[in-house]
Amino acid sequence: MQKLHLVFGGRVTDPRSTEFADLDQLDIVGVFPDYASAEDAWRANAQRTVDDAEMKYVLVHLHRLLWPDQLPEDK
């Protein structure tokens, strides 16, 4: 079974949250086949915007959303 991961980011309304200010302006970095490549993409984008507290990138475990009952709690 593939373990898909999504990386995206954008401007948030509050740096302590993940509520994005404008969904039309989200930066969809991509879907990745494994955690390691998704983490690399997340880290690169987060580092690129590190000086902007209102920019946030997240890594989502798509496989956990698609098949919640079929996967163990691992990356």
N, C-alpha and C. Protein backbone atom coordinates (compact mmCIF):
# COMPACT_ATOMS: atom_id res chain seq x y z
N MET A 1 0.85 -1.18 0.00
CA MET A 1 0.00 0.00 0.00
C MET A 1 0.89 1.24 0.00
N GLN A 2 0.56 2.20 -0.85
CA GLN A 2 1.29 3.47 -0.87
C GLN A 2 1.00 4.27 0.39
N LYS A 3 2.01 4.96 0.86
CA LYS A 3 1.83 5.86 1.99
C LYS A 3 2.05 7.28 1.48
N LEU A 4 0.97 7.86 0.98
CA LEU A 4 1.05 9.18 0.34
C LEU A 4 1.11 10.30 1.38
N HIS A 5 1.86 11.35 1.03
CA HIS A 5 2.02 12.51 1.89
C HIS A 5 1.85 13.77 1.05
N LEU A 6 1.16 14.76 1.60
CA LEU A 6 0.92 16.04 0.94
C LEU A 6 1.67 17.14 1.70
N VAL A 7 2.34 18.01 0.96
CA VAL A 7 3.00 19.17 1.55
C VAL A 7 2.41 20.42 0.91
N PHE A 8 1.95 21.33 1.77
CA PHE A 8 1.42 22.60 1.28
C PHE A 8 1.63 23.66 2.34
N GLY A 9 1.44 24.90 1.95
CA GLY A 9 1.60 25.99 2.90
C GLY A 9 0.97 27.26 2.41
N GLY A 10 1.05 28.26 3.27
CA GLY A 10 0.50 29.56 2.93
C GLY A 10 0.49 30.46 4.14
N ARG A 11 -0.10 31.62 3.94
CA ARG A 11 -0.18 32.61 5.01
C ARG A 11 -1.29 32.22 5.98
N VAL A 12 -0.98 32.22 7.28
CA VAL A 12 -1.96 31.86 8.31
C VAL A 12 -2.47 33.12 9.00
N THR A 13 -3.66 33.02 9.59
CA THR A 13 -4.26 34.16 10.28
C THR A 13 -3.58 34.42 11.62
N ASP A 14 -3.02 33.37 12.22
CA ASP A 14 -2.34 33.45 13.50
C ASP A 14 -1.18 32.45 13.46
N PRO A 15 0.04 32.87 13.75
CA PRO A 15 1.18 31.95 13.68
C PRO A 15 1.07 30.72 14.57
N ARG A 16 0.17 30.76 15.56
CA ARG A 16 -0.02 29.61 16.45
C ARG A 16 -1.06 28.63 15.93
N SER A 17 -1.62 28.91 14.76
CA SER A 17 -2.69 28.06 14.23
C SER A 17 -2.35 27.56 12.83
N THR A 18 -3.24 26.75 12.30
CA THR A 18 -3.11 26.32 10.91
C THR A 18 -4.33 26.79 10.10
N GLU A 19 -4.90 27.91 10.52
CA GLU A 19 -6.01 28.50 9.76
C GLU A 19 -5.41 29.41 8.70
N PHE A 20 -5.57 29.00 7.46
CA PHE A 20 -4.96 29.74 6.36
C PHE A 20 -5.83 30.93 5.96
N ALA A 21 -5.17 32.06 5.72
CA ALA A 21 -5.86 33.32 5.45
C ALA A 21 -6.59 33.32 4.11
N ASP A 22 -5.98 32.74 3.08
CA ASP A 22 -6.57 32.78 1.74
C ASP A 22 -6.30 31.43 1.05
N LEU A 23 -7.32 30.60 1.02
CA LEU A 23 -7.15 29.26 0.44
C LEU A 23 -6.82 29.30 -1.04
N ASP A 24 -7.19 30.37 -1.72
CA ASP A 24 -6.85 30.50 -3.15
C ASP A 24 -5.35 30.72 -3.36
N GLN A 25 -4.66 31.14 -2.31
CA GLN A 25 -3.24 31.42 -2.42
C GLN A 25 -2.34 30.33 -1.81
N LEU A 26 -2.91 29.17 -1.50
CA LEU A 26 -2.11 28.07 -0.95
C LEU A 26 -1.03 27.65 -1.95
N ASP A 27 0.13 27.35 -1.42
CA ASP A 27 1.23 26.82 -2.22
C ASP A 27 1.20 25.30 -2.07
N ILE A 28 0.69 24.61 -3.07
CA ILE A 28 0.65 23.15 -3.05
C ILE A 28 1.99 22.67 -3.57
N VAL A 29 2.84 22.21 -2.65
CA VAL A 29 4.18 21.77 -3.02
C VAL A 29 4.10 20.46 -3.78
N GLY A 30 3.29 19.51 -3.28
CA GLY A 30 3.12 18.26 -4.00
C GLY A 30 2.72 17.10 -3.12
N VAL A 31 2.49 15.98 -3.78
CA VAL A 31 2.18 14.71 -3.13
C VAL A 31 3.41 13.83 -3.29
N PHE A 32 3.81 13.19 -2.19
CA PHE A 32 5.05 12.42 -2.16
C PHE A 32 4.78 10.98 -1.76
N PRO A 33 5.56 10.04 -2.28
CA PRO A 33 5.31 8.62 -2.05
C PRO A 33 5.83 8.09 -0.72
N ASP A 34 6.60 8.89 0.00
CA ASP A 34 7.14 8.43 1.28
C ASP A 34 7.39 9.62 2.19
N TYR A 35 7.52 9.33 3.47
CA TYR A 35 7.68 10.37 4.47
C TYR A 35 8.98 11.15 4.27
N ALA A 36 10.06 10.47 3.96
CA ALA A 36 11.36 11.12 3.84
C ALA A 36 11.36 12.20 2.76
N SER A 37 10.82 11.90 1.59
CA SER A 37 10.81 12.90 0.52
C SER A 37 9.84 14.04 0.85
N ALA A 38 8.73 13.72 1.51
CA ALA A 38 7.79 14.77 1.92
C ALA A 38 8.43 15.68 2.97
N GLU A 39 9.15 15.08 3.90
CA GLU A 39 9.82 15.88 4.94
C GLU A 39 10.88 16.79 4.32
N ASP A 40 11.62 16.29 3.36
CA ASP A 40 12.62 17.12 2.67
C ASP A 40 11.96 18.32 2.00
N ALA A 41 10.84 18.10 1.33
CA ALA A 41 10.12 19.19 0.66
C ALA A 41 9.56 20.18 1.68
N TRP A 42 8.99 19.65 2.76
CA TRP A 42 8.46 20.52 3.82
C TRP A 42 9.58 21.37 4.41
N ARG A 43 10.69 20.73 4.75
CA ARG A 43 11.81 21.43 5.38
C ARG A 43 12.37 22.54 4.46
N ALA A 44 12.51 22.25 3.19
CA ALA A 44 13.03 23.23 2.24
C ALA A 44 12.13 24.46 2.16
N ASN A 45 10.82 24.23 2.11
CA ASN A 45 9.89 25.35 2.01
C ASN A 45 9.77 26.10 3.33
N ALA A 46 9.77 25.39 4.43
CA ALA A 46 9.71 26.04 5.74
C ALA A 46 10.96 26.90 5.97
N GLN A 47 12.12 26.39 5.58
CA GLN A 47 13.35 27.16 5.73
C GLN A 47 13.36 28.40 4.84
N ARG A 48 12.80 28.26 3.65
CA ARG A 48 12.76 29.38 2.70
C ARG A 48 11.95 30.54 3.25
N THR A 49 10.95 30.24 4.08
CA THR A 49 10.05 31.28 4.61
C THR A 49 10.22 31.48 6.12
N VAL A 50 11.34 31.05 6.67
CA VAL A 50 11.54 31.06 8.12
C VAL A 50 11.43 32.46 8.73
N ASP A 51 11.74 33.50 8.00
CA ASP A 51 11.69 34.86 8.54
C ASP A 51 10.29 35.48 8.50
N ASP A 52 9.33 34.79 7.94
CA ASP A 52 7.95 35.29 7.85
C ASP A 52 7.07 34.45 8.77
N ALA A 53 6.78 34.98 9.95
CA ALA A 53 6.03 34.22 10.97
C ALA A 53 4.62 33.84 10.52
N GLU A 54 4.09 34.53 9.53
CA GLU A 54 2.73 34.23 9.08
C GLU A 54 2.68 33.20 7.95
N MET A 55 3.84 32.72 7.52
CA MET A 55 3.87 31.66 6.50
C MET A 55 4.11 30.33 7.20
N LYS A 56 3.31 29.34 6.84
CA LYS A 56 3.44 28.04 7.47
C LYS A 56 3.28 26.95 6.42
N TYR A 57 4.14 25.95 6.49
CA TYR A 57 4.04 24.77 5.64
C TYR A 57 3.73 23.58 6.52
N VAL A 58 2.91 22.67 6.00
CA VAL A 58 2.52 21.48 6.74
C VAL A 58 2.70 20.24 5.89
N LEU A 59 2.87 19.13 6.58
CA LEU A 59 3.00 17.82 5.95
C LEU A 59 1.82 16.98 6.44
N VAL A 60 1.02 16.50 5.51
CA VAL A 60 -0.19 15.74 5.84
C VAL A 60 -0.01 14.30 5.41
N HIS A 61 -0.32 13.37 6.29
CA HIS A 61 -0.27 11.95 5.99
C HIS A 61 -1.58 11.57 5.28
N LEU A 62 -1.60 11.67 3.97
CA LEU A 62 -2.83 11.37 3.22
C LEU A 62 -3.28 9.93 3.41
N HIS A 63 -2.33 9.02 3.51
CA HIS A 63 -2.71 7.61 3.65
C HIS A 63 -3.48 7.37 4.94
N ARG A 64 -3.22 8.14 5.97
CA ARG A 64 -3.97 7.98 7.23
C ARG A 64 -5.40 8.48 7.09
N LEU A 65 -5.60 9.45 6.21
CA LEU A 65 -6.95 9.95 5.97
C LEU A 65 -7.72 9.02 5.04
N LEU A 66 -7.03 8.47 4.05
CA LEU A 66 -7.69 7.61 3.07
C LEU A 66 -8.01 6.22 3.61
N TRP A 67 -7.11 5.68 4.44
CA TRP A 67 -7.28 4.32 4.96
C TRP A 67 -7.01 4.28 6.46
N PRO A 68 -7.83 4.95 7.27
CA PRO A 68 -7.53 5.07 8.70
C PRO A 68 -7.52 3.74 9.46
N ASP A 69 -8.27 2.76 9.00
CA ASP A 69 -8.36 1.50 9.72
C ASP A 69 -7.35 0.46 9.25
N GLN A 70 -6.58 0.77 8.22
CA GLN A 70 -5.72 -0.25 7.62
C GLN A 70 -4.23 -0.05 7.91
N LEU A 71 -3.88 1.04 8.58
CA LEU A 71 -2.46 1.34 8.75
C LEU A 71 -2.06 1.41 10.21
N PRO A 72 -0.88 0.90 10.52
CA PRO A 72 -0.36 1.07 11.88
C PRO A 72 0.06 2.53 12.09
N GLU A 73 0.28 2.93 13.32
CA GLU A 73 0.67 4.30 13.65
C GLU A 73 2.16 4.51 13.40
N ASP A 74 2.56 4.53 12.16
CA ASP A 74 3.95 4.81 11.80
C ASP A 74 3.97 5.86 10.73
N LYS A 75 5.15 6.29 10.36
CA LYS A 75 5.30 7.29 9.31
C LYS A 75 4.94 6.66 8.00
